[in-house]
Amino acid sequence: MNNSARRSTDHREQRQQNDEGPCLECFRSGTAVIVPDLTREAERRPRFVTTAHRSGFTAVQALPMRLRDEVVGALNPFRAAPGPRASSPNPSASTWSAPSCTTPSRCRV
């Protein structure tokens, strides 16, 4: 993935304000959403695509984060280059997703 924390943070804030994008679709449906070229999504998600392009992103995956049978979030690896991933969904993203979901459930305050 080719991004920086700052670009991701700026884009995440815009995405939440606009209430559109693959992340929300993934969270609501519980299924992965793969967008290898955001240009093709411009009509369907105009604000999301504009914001993503301004942040330097041209492709995104949205992968459901599950805790047992419940979708508790979505992991969104963005990319600076369009095109399909070598594998789909991204195995390294799935590897990050599982511990992110299970660790908080084991923590007690």
Protein backbone atom coordinates (compact mmCIF):
# COMPACT_ATOMS: atom_id res chain seq x y z
CA MET A 1 0.00 0.00 0.00
CA ASN A 2 1.32 3.40 -0.84
CA ASN A 3 -0.09 5.97 1.53
CA SER A 4 0.74 8.06 4.53
CA ALA A 5 -1.02 8.40 7.85
CA ARG A 6 -1.87 12.04 7.14
CA ARG A 7 -3.46 11.33 3.73
CA SER A 8 -5.47 8.49 5.24
CA THR A 9 -6.66 10.60 8.17
CA ASP A 10 -7.74 13.48 5.92
CA HIS A 11 -9.58 11.11 3.62
CA ARG A 12 -11.25 9.21 6.49
CA GLU A 13 -12.66 12.45 7.91
CA GLN A 14 -14.05 13.48 4.53
CA ARG A 15 -15.53 10.03 3.93
CA GLN A 16 -17.37 10.12 7.26
CA GLN A 17 -18.74 13.58 6.54
CA ASN A 18 -19.93 12.57 3.07
CA ASP A 19 -21.59 9.31 4.23
CA GLU A 20 -20.64 7.40 1.11
CA GLY A 21 -17.94 5.02 -0.01
CA PRO A 22 -16.95 1.36 -0.10
CA CYS A 23 -16.20 1.32 3.65
CA LEU A 24 -19.78 2.08 4.62
CA GLU A 25 -21.13 -0.36 2.04
CA CYS A 26 -18.82 -3.07 3.41
CA PHE A 27 -19.80 -2.36 7.01
CA ARG A 28 -23.51 -2.35 6.24
CA SER A 29 -23.47 -5.47 4.02
CA GLY A 30 -20.75 -7.45 5.79
CA THR A 31 -19.08 -8.30 2.47
CA ALA A 32 -15.80 -7.15 0.94
CA VAL A 33 -15.99 -4.31 -1.58
CA ILE A 34 -13.12 -4.22 -4.08
CA VAL A 35 -12.65 -1.09 -6.21
CA PRO A 36 -9.57 -1.47 -8.44
CA ASP A 37 -10.17 1.88 -10.20
CA LEU A 38 -11.99 4.67 -8.39
CA THR A 39 -12.54 6.55 -11.65
CA ARG A 40 -15.23 3.98 -12.50
CA GLU A 41 -17.06 4.86 -9.26
CA ALA A 42 -17.27 8.61 -9.96
CA GLU A 43 -20.95 8.58 -10.91
CA ARG A 44 -21.99 6.33 -8.03
CA ARG A 45 -19.84 7.98 -5.30
CA PRO A 46 -18.84 11.41 -6.60
CA ARG A 47 -17.74 13.01 -3.32
CA PHE A 48 -15.85 9.92 -2.18
CA VAL A 49 -13.94 9.63 -5.46
CA THR A 50 -13.10 13.35 -5.56
CA THR A 51 -11.78 13.25 -2.00
CA ALA A 52 -9.82 10.03 -2.62
CA HIS A 53 -8.18 11.45 -5.74
CA ARG A 54 -7.27 14.67 -3.92
CA SER A 55 -5.61 12.52 -1.26
CA GLY A 56 -3.63 10.65 -3.92
CA PHE A 57 -5.61 7.39 -3.93
CA THR A 58 -6.91 5.62 -7.03
CA ALA A 59 -8.01 2.20 -5.70
CA VAL A 60 -9.44 0.81 -2.46
CA GLN A 61 -10.58 -2.38 -0.81
CA ALA A 62 -13.05 -2.48 2.06
CA LEU A 63 -12.81 -5.64 4.14
CA PRO A 64 -15.24 -6.48 6.93
CA MET A 65 -13.84 -6.73 10.44
CA ARG A 66 -15.72 -9.35 12.41
CA LEU A 67 -15.94 -10.19 16.06
CA ARG A 68 -17.47 -13.63 16.12
CA ASP A 69 -20.47 -13.27 13.78
CA GLU A 70 -20.85 -9.49 14.08
CA VAL A 71 -19.36 -6.94 11.69
CA VAL A 72 -17.72 -4.36 13.98
CA GLY A 73 -15.90 -2.29 11.36
CA ALA A 74 -14.15 -2.27 8.01
CA LEU A 75 -10.49 -2.20 7.08
CA ASN A 76 -9.69 -0.02 4.07
CA PRO A 77 -6.35 -0.46 2.32
CA PHE A 78 -6.08 2.40 -0.20
CA ARG A 79 -3.66 2.37 -3.11
CA ALA A 80 -2.02 5.04 -5.19
CA ALA A 81 -2.03 2.93 -8.37
CA PRO A 82 -5.19 1.55 -10.00
CA GLY A 83 -5.57 -2.08 -10.97
CA PRO A 84 -6.44 -5.41 -9.42
CA ARG A 85 -4.55 -6.77 -6.43
CA ALA A 86 -2.45 -9.89 -6.81
CA SER A 87 -4.99 -11.64 -4.61
CA SER A 88 -8.41 -10.60 -3.49
CA PRO A 89 -9.17 -9.88 -0.76
CA ASN A 90 -5.71 -8.80 0.27
CA PRO A 91 -4.34 -11.51 2.59
CA SER A 92 -2.13 -9.09 4.52
CA ALA A 93 -5.14 -6.84 5.15
CA SER A 94 -7.12 -9.81 6.43
CA THR A 95 -4.20 -10.65 8.68
CA TRP A 96 -4.38 -7.17 10.25
CA SER A 97 -8.15 -7.23 10.48
CA ALA A 98 -8.53 -10.28 12.74
CA PRO A 99 -6.30 -9.13 15.64
CA SER A 100 -7.81 -5.65 15.45
CA CYS A 101 -11.20 -7.15 16.20
CA THR A 102 -10.31 -9.74 18.80
CA THR A 103 -7.82 -7.82 20.92
CA PRO A 104 -10.31 -5.25 22.30
CA SER A 105 -12.71 -8.02 23.30
CA ARG A 106 -9.99 -9.56 25.49
CA CYS A 107 -9.17 -6.31 27.25
CA ARG A 108 -10.94 -5.44 30.47
CA VAL A 109 -10.78 -2.01 32.04
